[in-house]
């Protein structure tokens, strides 16, 4: 581990509930998003989620390399004493996405047909804090986190308001395995036996999951071990 790559805990103090379309938030994805917004503003809106992509930024987080592949040493979100609820939002084709549709129609019918609007179930986490673990450059991560003002979906209407972020050095690395939470991030099955301390992988829950950013890219979805606390 290099001099600048050290274990850390990232604690986000929240001012409103967080709305999620996925069971967790991945810290490596969050840091990548902040780095792209800082250095390549507007790039994300131009990318095609159907195509493999190499993002033009290196994030200040360590990697674990196994069998010619790698994952970032960055955990998923763990909400403290969270009260969980569900809600629904209406999803429809956005005006800015209409250019991608191969149709001559001047108006998109969201009431019926292929582009019909639909209700999407969302999870709402009501918690005071959200915690992550990582190994990386603590000062660089802290600088990126200064630009974080919200977490999750529907931030524009008040969800996921961030009050403060603290980044603290730790003695031990809990980014992949946590003494309380267990497996602390998705790990591809083809890498699992190379993760120090993971032990026997038989009997663990597995699912098709994204394992590194960009998480929307289909090329990054493989069979993974599910983080403990989220299995069936």
C-alpha atoms as a PDB file:
ATOM      1  CA  UNK A   1       0.000   0.000   0.000  1.00  0.00           C
ATOM      2  CA  UNK A   2       1.539   3.314  -1.105  1.00  0.00           C
ATOM      3  CA  UNK A   3       2.177   6.213   1.212  1.00  0.00           C
ATOM      4  CA  UNK A   4      -0.916   8.062  -0.018  1.00  0.00           C
ATOM      5  CA  UNK A   5      -3.197   5.008  -0.123  1.00  0.00           C
ATOM      6  CA  UNK A   6      -4.612   4.585   3.361  1.00  0.00           C
ATOM      7  CA  UNK A   7      -7.762   3.060   4.891  1.00  0.00           C
ATOM      8  CA  UNK A   8     -10.529   5.577   5.494  1.00  0.00           C
ATOM      9  CA  UNK A   9     -14.116   5.993   6.593  1.00  0.00           C
ATOM     10  CA  UNK A  10     -16.364   8.447   4.759  1.00  0.00           C
ATOM     11  CA  UNK A  11     -19.305   9.630   6.876  1.00  0.00           C
ATOM     12  CA  UNK A  12     -22.077  11.662   5.274  1.00  0.00           C
ATOM     13  CA  UNK A  13     -24.459  13.504   7.572  1.00  0.00           C
ATOM     14  CA  UNK A  14     -27.907  13.770   6.009  1.00  0.00           C
ATOM     15  CA  UNK A  15     -30.545  16.467   6.220  1.00  0.00           C
ATOM     16  CA  UNK A  16     -33.383  14.609   4.475  1.00  0.00           C
ATOM     17  CA  UNK A  17     -34.326  11.038   3.472  1.00  0.00           C
ATOM     18  CA  UNK A  18     -32.449   9.408   0.590  1.00  0.00           C
ATOM     19  CA  UNK A  19     -34.392   7.963  -2.354  1.00  0.00           C
ATOM     20  CA  UNK A  20     -32.805   4.928  -4.029  1.00  0.00           C
ATOM     21  CA  UNK A  21     -33.640   2.967  -7.162  1.00  0.00           C
ATOM     22  CA  UNK A  22     -30.992   0.370  -6.180  1.00  0.00           C
ATOM     23  CA  UNK A  23     -30.402  -1.280  -2.795  1.00  0.00           C
ATOM     24  CA  UNK A  24     -27.191   0.672  -2.197  1.00  0.00           C
ATOM     25  CA  UNK A  25     -24.915   3.472  -3.366  1.00  0.00           C
ATOM     26  CA  UNK A  26     -21.407   2.479  -4.454  1.00  0.00           C
ATOM     27  CA  UNK A  27     -18.639   4.755  -3.197  1.00  0.00           C
ATOM     28  CA  UNK A  28     -16.419   4.218  -6.251  1.00  0.00           C
ATOM     29  CA  UNK A  29     -19.308   5.309  -8.475  1.00  0.00           C
ATOM     30  CA  UNK A  30     -19.949   8.367  -6.313  1.00  0.00           C
ATOM     31  CA  UNK A  31     -16.280   9.404  -6.398  1.00  0.00           C
ATOM     32  CA  UNK A  32     -16.086   8.797 -10.156  1.00  0.00           C
ATOM     33  CA  UNK A  33     -19.149  10.970 -10.708  1.00  0.00           C
ATOM     34  CA  UNK A  34     -17.678  13.806  -8.652  1.00  0.00           C
ATOM     35  CA  UNK A  35     -14.358  13.558 -10.506  1.00  0.00           C
ATOM     36  CA  UNK A  36     -16.084  13.621 -13.901  1.00  0.00           C
ATOM     37  CA  UNK A  37     -18.230  16.581 -12.940  1.00  0.00           C
ATOM     38  CA  UNK A  38     -15.100  18.448 -11.862  1.00  0.00           C
ATOM     39  CA  UNK A  39     -12.825  17.579 -14.797  1.00  0.00           C
ATOM     40  CA  UNK A  40     -15.186  16.633 -17.648  1.00  0.00           C
ATOM     41  CA  UNK A  41     -18.463  18.457 -17.029  1.00  0.00           C
ATOM     42  CA  UNK A  42     -21.242  17.331 -19.376  1.00  0.00           C
ATOM     43  CA  UNK A  43     -19.505  14.125 -20.510  1.00  0.00           C
ATOM     44  CA  UNK A  44     -21.922  11.734 -18.774  1.00  0.00           C
ATOM     45  CA  UNK A  45     -24.889  13.076 -20.733  1.00  0.00           C
ATOM     46  CA  UNK A  46     -23.120  12.244 -24.031  1.00  0.00           C
ATOM     47  CA  UNK A  47     -22.297   8.593 -23.291  1.00  0.00           C
ATOM     48  CA  UNK A  48     -24.324   5.673 -24.669  1.00  0.00           C
ATOM     49  CA  UNK A  49     -25.142   3.214 -21.833  1.00  0.00           C
ATOM     50  CA  UNK A  50     -25.406   0.372 -24.359  1.00  0.00           C
ATOM     51  CA  UNK A  51     -21.712   0.544 -25.287  1.00  0.00           C
ATOM     52  CA  UNK A  52     -18.593  -0.335 -23.255  1.00  0.00           C
ATOM     53  CA  UNK A  53     -16.732   2.769 -22.179  1.00  0.00           C
ATOM     54  CA  UNK A  54     -13.464   3.680 -20.504  1.00  0.00           C
ATOM     55  CA  UNK A  55     -13.950   6.841 -18.494  1.00  0.00           C
ATOM     56  CA  UNK A  56     -11.178   9.438 -18.925  1.00  0.00           C
ATOM     57  CA  UNK A  57     -10.417   9.906 -15.240  1.00  0.00           C
ATOM     58  CA  UNK A  58      -8.463   8.036 -12.579  1.00  0.00           C
ATOM     59  CA  UNK A  59     -10.057   8.164  -9.148  1.00  0.00           C
ATOM     60  CA  UNK A  60      -7.941   8.379  -5.951  1.00  0.00           C
ATOM     61  CA  UNK A  61      -8.995   4.932  -4.719  1.00  0.00           C
ATOM     62  CA  UNK A  62      -6.925   1.750  -4.508  1.00  0.00           C
ATOM     63  CA  UNK A  63      -7.606  -1.389  -6.515  1.00  0.00           C
ATOM     64  CA  UNK A  64      -7.617  -5.090  -5.770  1.00  0.00           C
ATOM     65  CA  UNK A  65      -6.411  -6.980  -8.850  1.00  0.00           C
ATOM     66  CA  UNK A  66      -7.275 -10.671  -9.266  1.00  0.00           C
ATOM     67  CA  UNK A  67      -7.156 -12.933 -12.339  1.00  0.00           C
ATOM     68  CA  UNK A  68      -6.518 -10.059 -14.734  1.00  0.00           C
ATOM     69  CA  UNK A  69      -9.475  -8.041 -13.455  1.00  0.00           C
ATOM     70  CA  UNK A  70      -9.924  -5.551 -10.630  1.00  0.00           C
ATOM     71  CA  UNK A  71     -12.358  -3.959  -8.223  1.00  0.00           C
ATOM     72  CA  UNK A  72     -11.943  -0.699  -6.363  1.00  0.00           C
ATOM     73  CA  UNK A  73     -11.291  -0.850  -2.640  1.00  0.00           C
ATOM     74  CA  UNK A  74     -14.476   1.057  -1.937  1.00  0.00           C
ATOM     75  CA  UNK A  75     -17.590  -0.140  -0.108  1.00  0.00           C
ATOM     76  CA  UNK A  76     -21.287   0.291  -0.625  1.00  0.00           C
ATOM     77  CA  UNK A  77     -23.426   2.565   1.555  1.00  0.00           C
ATOM     78  CA  UNK A  78     -24.397   1.595   5.083  1.00  0.00           C
ATOM     79  CA  UNK A  79     -27.138   3.769   6.598  1.00  0.00           C
ATOM     80  CA  UNK A  80     -27.184   4.164  10.377  1.00  0.00           C
ATOM     81  CA  UNK A  81     -30.420   3.222  12.176  1.00  0.00           C
ATOM     82  CA  UNK A  82     -32.383   3.746   8.987  1.00  0.00           C
ATOM     83  CA  UNK A  83     -36.160   3.630   8.763  1.00  0.00           C
ATOM     84  CA  UNK A  84     -37.078   2.241   5.352  1.00  0.00           C
ATOM     85  CA  UNK A  85     -40.167   3.014   3.304  1.00  0.00           C
ATOM     86  CA  UNK A  86     -41.183   2.577  -0.322  1.00  0.00           C
ATOM     87  CA  UNK A  87     -42.773   4.978  -2.780  1.00  0.00           C
ATOM     88  CA  UNK A  88     -43.491   5.150  -6.493  1.00  0.00           C
ATOM     89  CA  UNK A  89     -42.463   7.657  -9.135  1.00  0.00           C
ATOM     90  CA  UNK A  90     -43.761   7.966 -12.697  1.00  0.00           C
ATOM     91  CA  UNK A  91     -41.112   7.222 -15.349  1.00  0.00           C
ATOM     92  CA  UNK A  92     -41.498   8.417 -18.925  1.00  0.00           C
ATOM     93  CA  UNK A  93     -39.333   9.229 -21.911  1.00  0.00           C
ATOM     94  CA  UNK A  94     -37.549  12.495 -21.179  1.00  0.00           C
ATOM     95  CA  UNK A  95     -37.546  15.220 -23.794  1.00  0.00           C
ATOM     96  CA  UNK A  96     -33.731  15.208 -23.978  1.00  0.00           C
ATOM     97  CA  UNK A  97     -33.786  11.452 -24.736  1.00  0.00           C
ATOM     98  CA  UNK A  98     -36.210  11.723 -27.636  1.00  0.00           C
ATOM     99  CA  UNK A  99     -33.361  12.299 -30.099  1.00  0.00           C
ATOM    100  CA  UNK A 100     -32.198   8.713 -29.543  1.00  0.00           C
ATOM    101  CA  UNK A 101     -35.531   7.280 -30.737  1.00  0.00           C
ATOM    102  CA  UNK A 102     -35.809   6.100 -34.332  1.00  0.00           C
ATOM    103  CA  UNK A 103     -39.254   7.530 -35.011  1.00  0.00           C
ATOM    104  CA  UNK A 104     -40.711  10.247 -37.228  1.00  0.00           C
ATOM    105  CA  UNK A 105     -43.401  11.122 -34.722  1.00  0.00           C
ATOM    106  CA  UNK A 106     -43.389  14.718 -33.608  1.00  0.00           C
ATOM    107  CA  UNK A 107     -45.005  13.745 -30.308  1.00  0.00           C
ATOM    108  CA  UNK A 108     -44.291  10.703 -28.124  1.00  0.00           C
ATOM    109  CA  UNK A 109     -47.349   8.902 -26.757  1.00  0.00           C
ATOM    110  CA  UNK A 110     -46.691   8.178 -23.057  1.00  0.00           C
ATOM    111  CA  UNK A 111     -50.224   6.889 -22.423  1.00  0.00           C
ATOM    112  CA  UNK A 112     -50.009   3.715 -24.545  1.00  0.00           C
ATOM    113  CA  UNK A 113     -47.599   1.749 -26.701  1.00  0.00           C
ATOM    114  CA  UNK A 114     -43.847   1.156 -26.507  1.00  0.00           C
ATOM    115  CA  UNK A 115     -43.138   4.441 -24.722  1.00  0.00           C
ATOM    116  CA  UNK A 116     -45.938   4.245 -22.196  1.00  0.00           C
ATOM    117  CA  UNK A 117     -45.109   5.848 -18.843  1.00  0.00           C
ATOM    118  CA  UNK A 118     -44.887   3.479 -15.894  1.00  0.00           C
ATOM    119  CA  UNK A 119     -44.623   3.550 -12.116  1.00  0.00           C
ATOM    120  CA  UNK A 120     -41.241   2.643 -10.619  1.00  0.00           C
ATOM    121  CA  UNK A 121     -40.918   1.512  -7.018  1.00  0.00           C
ATOM    122  CA  UNK A 122     -38.267   3.373  -5.043  1.00  0.00           C
ATOM    123  CA  UNK A 123     -36.815   2.844  -1.579  1.00  0.00           C
ATOM    124  CA  UNK A 124     -36.633   5.785   0.814  1.00  0.00           C
ATOM    125  CA  UNK A 125     -34.004   5.602   3.552  1.00  0.00           C
ATOM    126  CA  UNK A 126     -34.646   7.903   6.508  1.00  0.00           C
ATOM    127  CA  UNK A 127     -31.318   8.036   8.342  1.00  0.00           C
ATOM    128  CA  UNK A 128     -29.077  10.622   9.938  1.00  0.00           C
ATOM    129  CA  UNK A 129     -25.861   9.264   8.475  1.00  0.00           C
ATOM    130  CA  UNK A 130     -24.499   7.180   5.631  1.00  0.00           C
ATOM    131  CA  UNK A 131     -21.118   5.484   5.991  1.00  0.00           C
ATOM    132  CA  UNK A 132     -18.609   4.152   3.463  1.00  0.00           C
ATOM    133  CA  UNK A 133     -15.139   2.600   3.721  1.00  0.00           C
ATOM    134  CA  UNK A 134     -12.293   2.782   1.232  1.00  0.00           C
ATOM    135  CA  UNK A 135      -8.564   2.690   0.696  1.00  0.00           C
ATOM    136  CA  UNK A 136      -7.185   5.666  -1.140  1.00  0.00           C
ATOM    137  CA  UNK A 137      -5.738   9.145  -1.070  1.00  0.00           C
ATOM    138  CA  UNK A 138      -7.605  10.663   1.862  1.00  0.00           C
ATOM    139  CA  UNK A 139      -6.903  14.299   0.973  1.00  0.00           C
ATOM    140  CA  UNK A 140      -7.928  13.797  -2.655  1.00  0.00           C
ATOM    141  CA  UNK A 141     -11.147  12.015  -1.670  1.00  0.00           C
ATOM    142  CA  UNK A 142     -11.957  14.752   0.845  1.00  0.00           C
ATOM    143  CA  UNK A 143     -11.485  17.438  -1.827  1.00  0.00           C
ATOM    144  CA  UNK A 144     -13.912  15.669  -4.148  1.00  0.00           C
ATOM    145  CA  UNK A 145     -16.437  15.212  -1.352  1.00  0.00           C
ATOM    146  CA  UNK A 146     -16.507  18.971  -0.793  1.00  0.00           C
ATOM    147  CA  UNK A 147     -18.637  19.166  -3.966  1.00  0.00           C
ATOM    148  CA  UNK A 148     -21.213  16.631  -2.763  1.00  0.00           C
ATOM    149  CA  UNK A 149     -24.530  18.289  -1.955  1.00  0.00           C
ATOM    150  CA  UNK A 150     -26.925  15.369  -2.398  1.00  0.00           C
ATOM    151  CA  UNK A 151     -27.281  11.578  -2.493  1.00  0.00           C
ATOM    152  CA  UNK A 152     -29.614   9.332  -4.445  1.00  0.00           C
ATOM    153  CA  UNK A 153     -32.578  10.184  -6.652  1.00  0.00           C
ATOM    154  CA  UNK A 154     -34.876  13.234  -6.740  1.00  0.00           C
ATOM    155  CA  UNK A 155     -32.309  15.541  -5.154  1.00  0.00           C
ATOM    156  CA  UNK A 156     -33.845  18.517  -6.943  1.00  0.00           C
ATOM    157  CA  UNK A 157     -37.025  18.161  -4.867  1.00  0.00           C
ATOM    158  CA  UNK A 158     -35.220  17.837  -1.542  1.00  0.00           C
ATOM    159  CA  UNK A 159     -34.279  14.184  -1.131  1.00  0.00           C
ATOM    160  CA  UNK A 160     -30.785  13.176  -0.013  1.00  0.00           C
ATOM    161  CA  UNK A 161     -29.637  16.589   1.219  1.00  0.00           C
ATOM    162  CA  UNK A 162     -26.044  16.430   2.485  1.00  0.00           C
ATOM    163  CA  UNK A 163     -25.241  18.500   5.578  1.00  0.00           C
ATOM    164  CA  UNK A 164     -21.585  17.558   5.952  1.00  0.00           C
ATOM    165  CA  UNK A 165     -18.971  14.984   4.954  1.00  0.00           C
ATOM    166  CA  UNK A 166     -16.064  13.762   7.073  1.00  0.00           C
ATOM    167  CA  UNK A 167     -13.194  11.615   5.783  1.00  0.00           C
ATOM    168  CA  UNK A 168     -11.196   9.949   8.550  1.00  0.00           C
ATOM    169  CA  UNK A 169      -8.129   7.733   8.439  1.00  0.00           C
ATOM    170  CA  UNK A 170      -8.465   4.250   9.951  1.00  0.00           C
ATOM    171  CA  UNK A 171      -5.951   1.663  11.056  1.00  0.00           C
ATOM    172  CA  UNK A 172      -7.562  -1.204   9.127  1.00  0.00           C
ATOM    173  CA  UNK A 173      -9.069  -1.649   5.691  1.00  0.00           C
ATOM    174  CA  UNK A 174     -12.832  -2.367   5.829  1.00  0.00           C
ATOM    175  CA  UNK A 175     -13.576  -1.538   2.194  1.00  0.00           C
ATOM    176  CA  UNK A 176     -14.283  -5.127   1.079  1.00  0.00           C
ATOM    177  CA  UNK A 177     -14.729  -7.017   4.349  1.00  0.00           C
ATOM    178  CA  UNK A 178     -16.155  -5.267   7.413  1.00  0.00           C
ATOM    179  CA  UNK A 179     -15.992  -6.764  10.927  1.00  0.00           C
ATOM    180  CA  UNK A 180     -19.679  -5.963  11.528  1.00  0.00           C
ATOM    181  CA  UNK A 181     -21.286  -5.852   8.080  1.00  0.00           C
ATOM    182  CA  UNK A 182     -19.336  -8.699   6.445  1.00  0.00           C
ATOM    183  CA  UNK A 183     -18.907  -8.515   2.680  1.00  0.00           C
ATOM    184  CA  UNK A 184     -19.027  -4.784   2.059  1.00  0.00           C
ATOM    185  CA  UNK A 185     -19.299  -4.560  -1.725  1.00  0.00           C
ATOM    186  CA  UNK A 186     -20.134  -6.738  -4.754  1.00  0.00           C
ATOM    187  CA  UNK A 187     -17.284  -9.082  -5.717  1.00  0.00           C
ATOM    188  CA  UNK A 188     -17.276 -10.852  -9.098  1.00  0.00           C
ATOM    189  CA  UNK A 189     -17.425 -14.627  -8.739  1.00  0.00           C
ATOM    190  CA  UNK A 190     -14.365 -15.015 -10.962  1.00  0.00           C
ATOM    191  CA  UNK A 191     -12.378 -12.876  -8.490  1.00  0.00           C
ATOM    192  CA  UNK A 192     -13.796 -14.142  -5.209  1.00  0.00           C
ATOM    193  CA  UNK A 193     -11.152 -16.731  -4.339  1.00  0.00           C
ATOM    194  CA  UNK A 194      -8.447 -14.078  -4.643  1.00  0.00           C
ATOM    195  CA  UNK A 195      -9.984 -11.737  -2.035  1.00  0.00           C
ATOM    196  CA  UNK A 196      -7.900 -11.977   1.166  1.00  0.00           C
ATOM    197  CA  UNK A 197      -9.945 -13.124   4.166  1.00  0.00           C
ATOM    198  CA  UNK A 198     -13.138 -13.871   2.240  1.00  0.00           C
ATOM    199  CA  UNK A 199     -12.899 -17.599   2.853  1.00  0.00           C
ATOM    200  CA  UNK A 200     -15.295 -20.162   1.393  1.00  0.00           C
ATOM    201  CA  UNK A 201     -17.616 -18.631  -1.192  1.00  0.00           C
ATOM    202  CA  UNK A 202     -19.961 -21.595  -1.541  1.00  0.00           C
ATOM    203  CA  UNK A 203     -23.458 -20.927  -0.242  1.00  0.00           C
ATOM    204  CA  UNK A 204     -23.240 -17.164  -0.653  1.00  0.00           C
ATOM    205  CA  UNK A 205     -25.942 -15.281  -2.536  1.00  0.00           C
ATOM    206  CA  UNK A 206     -24.980 -14.401  -6.107  1.00  0.00           C
ATOM    207  CA  UNK A 207     -26.629 -12.092  -8.635  1.00  0.00           C
ATOM    208  CA  UNK A 208     -25.918 -10.270 -11.880  1.00  0.00           C
ATOM    209  CA  UNK A 209     -24.513  -6.966 -10.592  1.00  0.00           C
ATOM    210  CA  UNK A 210     -22.322  -4.107 -11.694  1.00  0.00           C
ATOM    211  CA  UNK A 211     -18.966  -4.215  -9.953  1.00  0.00           C
ATOM    212  CA  UNK A 212     -17.184  -1.013 -10.996  1.00  0.00           C
ATOM    213  CA  UNK A 213     -18.065   2.315 -12.589  1.00  0.00           C
ATOM    214  CA  UNK A 214     -19.783   3.232 -14.744  1.00  0.00           C
ATOM    215  CA  UNK A 215     -22.459   1.107 -13.076  1.00  0.00           C
ATOM    216  CA  UNK A 216     -24.979   1.686 -15.863  1.00  0.00           C
ATOM    217  CA  UNK A 217     -22.659   0.122 -18.471  1.00  0.00           C
ATOM    218  CA  UNK A 218     -23.866  -3.399 -19.327  1.00  0.00           C
ATOM    219  CA  UNK A 219     -20.273  -4.556 -19.886  1.00  0.00           C
ATOM    220  CA  UNK A 220     -19.633  -4.080 -16.159  1.00  0.00           C
ATOM    221  CA  UNK A 221     -22.464  -6.421 -15.101  1.00  0.00           C
ATOM    222  CA  UNK A 222     -21.264  -9.918 -14.184  1.00  0.00           C
ATOM    223  CA  UNK A 223     -22.206 -12.646 -11.710  1.00  0.00           C
ATOM    224  CA  UNK A 224     -21.183 -11.314  -8.281  1.00  0.00           C
ATOM    225  CA  UNK A 225     -21.316 -12.212  -4.621  1.00  0.00           C
ATOM    226  CA  UNK A 226     -24.038 -10.070  -3.050  1.00  0.00           C
ATOM    227  CA  UNK A 227     -22.930  -7.842  -0.140  1.00  0.00           C
ATOM    228  CA  UNK A 228     -23.979  -9.220   3.232  1.00  0.00           C
ATOM    229  CA  UNK A 229     -27.279  -7.828   4.462  1.00  0.00           C
ATOM    230  CA  UNK A 230     -28.808  -7.649   0.978  1.00  0.00           C
ATOM    231  CA  UNK A 231     -29.228 -11.301   0.016  1.00  0.00           C
ATOM    232  CA  UNK A 232     -32.396 -13.317  -0.257  1.00  0.00           C
END
